[in-house]
Amino acid sequence: MSLSFEPLLAPVAWVTLAIMSIGLWSWYVWKRPSTCPLPIWSIISFLGALGIILVLTVLLNPIWLEALPPPAGKPLLTILVDQSESMLTVDGEVNSTRFSDANRLVEAVAKKLKTTFDIRIQRFADEVRPTTVEELEGFTPSGSRTNLSAPILDSLVSDRPQGQAILLISDGVHNASGDANQVLEAASLSRSWDAPIYATTIGGQTTVRDIEVHVPRSQELVFVGQSVPITVEIDQHGLIGDRVTVVLESDGEVISNREVRIEPRTTTPVSYLITPEEVGLFQYQVKVKSLPGEATTANNSTTFQVRVVDEPVKALVLEGKPYWDAKFLLRMLTDDPSLELDCLVRITSDRSLWRRLELKEDEDSPPPNEKTTTTEQAGQAEQKSSPMNRVFERTETTELVTDEKSILLNLEKLRDYQILFLGREAETYLSDEAIENIRTWLSENGGSLVCYRGSPVAEPNRQLSRLLPLRWGRRAGQDESRFRVQVTERGDDLSWLRLGGGDTLSKLPSLSTTSTTESIKPLAVVLGRGDQSTTTPVLTYQPYGTGKVVVIEGAGMWRWAFLSPEYQEHDPVYGTLWQSLIRWVLSSGGLLPGEKVSLQMDRVTYTEGEAVSAVVLKREDGDSTPMPNVELRNENGELLQSAQPIPVGSEPGVYQVFLGKPESGHYELTMTGDPESLPGTRKVSFDVRPDMREKLETAARPDLMNRIAELSDGMVVKAEDLGDLGEKFKQHLQESRPVQYRRVSAWDRWWVLCGILVIWSCSWGLRRSSGLV
């Protein structure tokens, strides 16, 4: 125990009182009466001084401090071991794999620190699982991607008074959906929980040599005879060569075969100018001939599809209240030469503004007729033929209308549109009859409903809720939450949504909402979520019959089209995102004129291990022709399986084919039977690729590991220093959790008060007996 003083008065006041007391006492002693004997006066003076000292001492408020023992038990140490495929890289000091080096470290740390910590071991890649030292010895890493944020969040324990720490043993490669900001946010959260992360980086800057080809936008919409530029990107990992041969094929026919110069560790674009001459869905395959020394050839090819129409796509925009999001969306849509646009915006309670923007093609700028060009020619043509630069005119008509409710009441008129955009406060348009027409339009005509500002009404009724992929609630007090967009794993599978690696959207200005998501429908797919500050689904879609319903949550996306100077590098994202979204929803639209059947796939590239399925649309017009089987063949033409399409729910003319989980390769899906009896799109192709991220991204990331340790208030620990981890954590506890004391007042006792009264009473008694009172 130790004694501490916490004065009841300010120090200046106490010192002043002490000086005054000493002065008065000295004056009193100096003025001894002559009638009082010196011995008696000395006793009186001593008792007076003792009483003053005791009072001044009480005013200093002496406190006994008793150090409290720490909570019983040992602190928790969670050891996180990376089990992704990149840990199979052989770059250890004794020609060993990273995982075997990590196992030796785990075994040594667990053995040495078991008396200091309660040790818990977990292995992680794309998911977290508990393990033991014995299990790790015979385990082979197989994780196809690494998520560093999930194991950190999973390791935090809410009730651990003895303290907790995390030992992260990894090569630092993070390639799950989203970017490294998610990992850094998890590390910051770990610091708030007082759980420092001690990071040990395994591995060096080992790289592999490989060629990878992919298409940023694998689905395109184009008019008959219109030239559309398709850009293919070739990535070279490591240094494997300076030239590759790129082949473009369609239906087994070679359209282009050229040699392209590539640079190491950069992305080389290769452009083609496609000019379709027929209406339909056409698929193309781009192949890069393999080079000696490649890590794999499974990613040397990719597929893209072009949907060709002979008339513009018509879109209808309905907005219940003018807002910046609607203004910028309308401006972006009018810049797309493949769209004709009708817009109705409610201005007052009884008036709305109707705008019709029809295309008027400039006949002086006809598109070129050649099917393909060289890269240089395509680059020049892209400036003229891209949706944002192609020369075209629009004729605009506007009028004020008072009967806005009738816009959706005419089903035949609604069938003229392929896309319906709904803003907020759209109750005036959505009567029960209008909702039923939208349902029929979605299920039978393959329309696409896009709610681009969240829920179109404040409280969706039961009929409207059946169409939407989400159910909403309302925040208490109408509080607004802000969030940035993070692409989910399902969204990361769509090439057009990755936008440069999947982290671009998270760097753009935040969106806002006053709604909360109560539930997500079973068939809904979430492509984008809010960041870790919220769990709001931002981009969600749900198939409905032959159509799609897409919900984009949050207001303020217009800021993405009006970026400040520090975000100028992302300026094209707003237009590219909307164009890609429109082409994606139209890629699986309804039957084209003259088609009785259409075989469609939502994507053209899948990852190995994913379930693959296709949709068959059949025109139900009294035709008794039976539904033919669908055959799956590999690139060698070998028949792998034949499946009978299964009807989907109660919607007529919608069938689904489940193809299981094919191995990596290129596949063709064809319908059997007579094409003349059921004309339409009867063949599609798709690619199944292995998830190559862990095999291609093998260079260790000590920089990321350093940031994780720094933000969590931990430190980077070398492998040879892990034995001192107990002392390092003890020092951390001394800094973050100072010793707690039990405070006991040293004067607040009855006998102290009695002692002071006795001393003053004795002094008074002596003075009285001496005749001084």
Foldseek 3Di string as FASTA:
>chain_A
DDKDFDAPDDPVVLVVVVVVLVVVLVVVLVPDDPLFDPVLSVLLSVLSVVLVVLVSVVRRQMWDWFFDDADPDAAEEEEEAEQAPLQQDQDDPVRHGLLVVVLVLVVVLCVLCVVHHDYWYWYFFPAIDTDDSVVSVPDHRHHLGHAQLHVLVVPQDQDGRNAAEYEYEELADHAAFADLVSLLVSLLVLQVSRYFYAYAHTDFADFAWAKAKDWLFQEAEEEQQAKDKTKMKIATTADQDQKWWKWKDWPRHTDDIDIDGDDHRDIDIWMKIAHHHDAFKTKMKMAIDDGPRHPDRLRRMFMGIYGYDHAAAEEEEEEAADDLVVVLVVVLQLLFQRYWYWYWYHHDPQKIKIKTKAKDADPVDRHDRDGTDGRVVSVVVCCQRPSNRDDIGIDMDMDMDRPLQCPQLDLVNVLSHQEYEAEAPRVSNDDPNSLVSVLCCCAAFAHEYEDAAFDRYPADDPSNVVQDQFHKDFAVVLDKDKFFKTFHNVLVQRSNCCLPSRHLRRPAGIFMDRMDTPDGHPQKDQGMATRPVDGHRAWIWGRRNQAIYIYGYGPDCSCLCVDDPVSVVSNCVSSSNVSSVVSLRCQSGGFDPPFQKAKGFSDQEAEFPDWGKIKMFGDPPPDPDDFFWKWKAFPVRDTDDIGGWDDDPPRPRITMGTDGGDDFGKMKIFTDDDCVSGPGHGMDIHGYGYSCPSVRPNRRDVVSSQSSSVSNVHHHDYSVRSSCVSVRVVVSCCVVPPGDIDIDGPQPDPVNVVVSVVSVVVSVVSCVVSVND
